[in-house]
């Protein structure tokens, strides 16, 4: 019996040697470190187009960090037009601002950091001259000047009325809203220069092919020289071709189109209805590019306008459709060569009733 008691006491004493309640806990491995996740920068501009001298607000409050870390902000003016002295206010704040002082495009950048990782975002806007909205038809002579930007906000085309002359000075900008357009029943004289062309385009932020209708010439004598027409070609009434420049009407509509660029359109670059009273008096030095349809859609009666000086997109074709070549337009009609590898594509039967039709090297320039 004594031996059994001694064994129990010994076991208790040995167990006590393993440590008491006040002894430090045994070493344990440190918890695994979690990877730091990068923040996300989010820059918001309060506008995409602004007049010179108007303050632009920049907001970075949409930036976030998945770990909930505090963020620091760093703003910069990444690009500005030539001659601009604009600068950012509060380059280290959640928000910032600046005031454009020259026309052109500005690019603003934002960088956010959580102390370990960073992220960037940027935004752009265009500063323009004072904006003048043209919302109704033009019924008296008018000159559009380069110290203002002209916006056409309505979906109905603006008419230049019969007997009215609108003159557009070099370096002037016209901006058209969705499905807006300009219909000419009087005279349009848009004469830019090689250095200061006239720009006719879509409103800022909506620059996609076919955004606005284009310019239609229904009567009168007009001149387009050194003009850039972009993003036009919205659908017209059924039966009319979509085009950036559309020569139509039942009365005489004469047009001189020279040294101009027609690009990024959804319809034809230039479309002419089969109306023998309308004429393309001069058609030279023009460039057509990035168009979804043929650069020129023209009745056979007008094929004599080409002089080899116009430039067309690679692998495109000038579309020629049915219209009698009436005797009396001219005694001889000549189809001249276009750019290399640019054919005429005749889409319908053609009736020839003029005195002579000359097609030089027809096998190289004609497809049926």
Foldseek 3Di string as FASTA:
>chain_A
DVVVVVVVVVVVVVVPVVDDPPDDDDDDDDDDDDDFDEKEWDKDWPDQEEAAFDKIKIAGVVIGGPVRADKWKAKFWPDADPPWPKGWDPRTDRMIMIGTHDFAKTKMKMWMGRPPHIYMDMDMHTYAAAEDEDAEAAAAEEEAEQNYAYEDEDLDEHEPDAPYEYEYEFQYEYAYAANYEYEYAHEYEQAYDPVGAYEYAHDPPQFAAQRYQAYEFAHYEYEHERYEQGRHFHDDPPPDWGENYEYDHQAEGEYEYALYEYERYATAPYEYDQHLRYADPADANYEYYHYNAANYEYEPLHQQRDDQHYYYDPPGEHEYEEDENDAPSDQEGERDDYPQPHAYEYDYDYHYDHNYYHYPPVVRHYDD
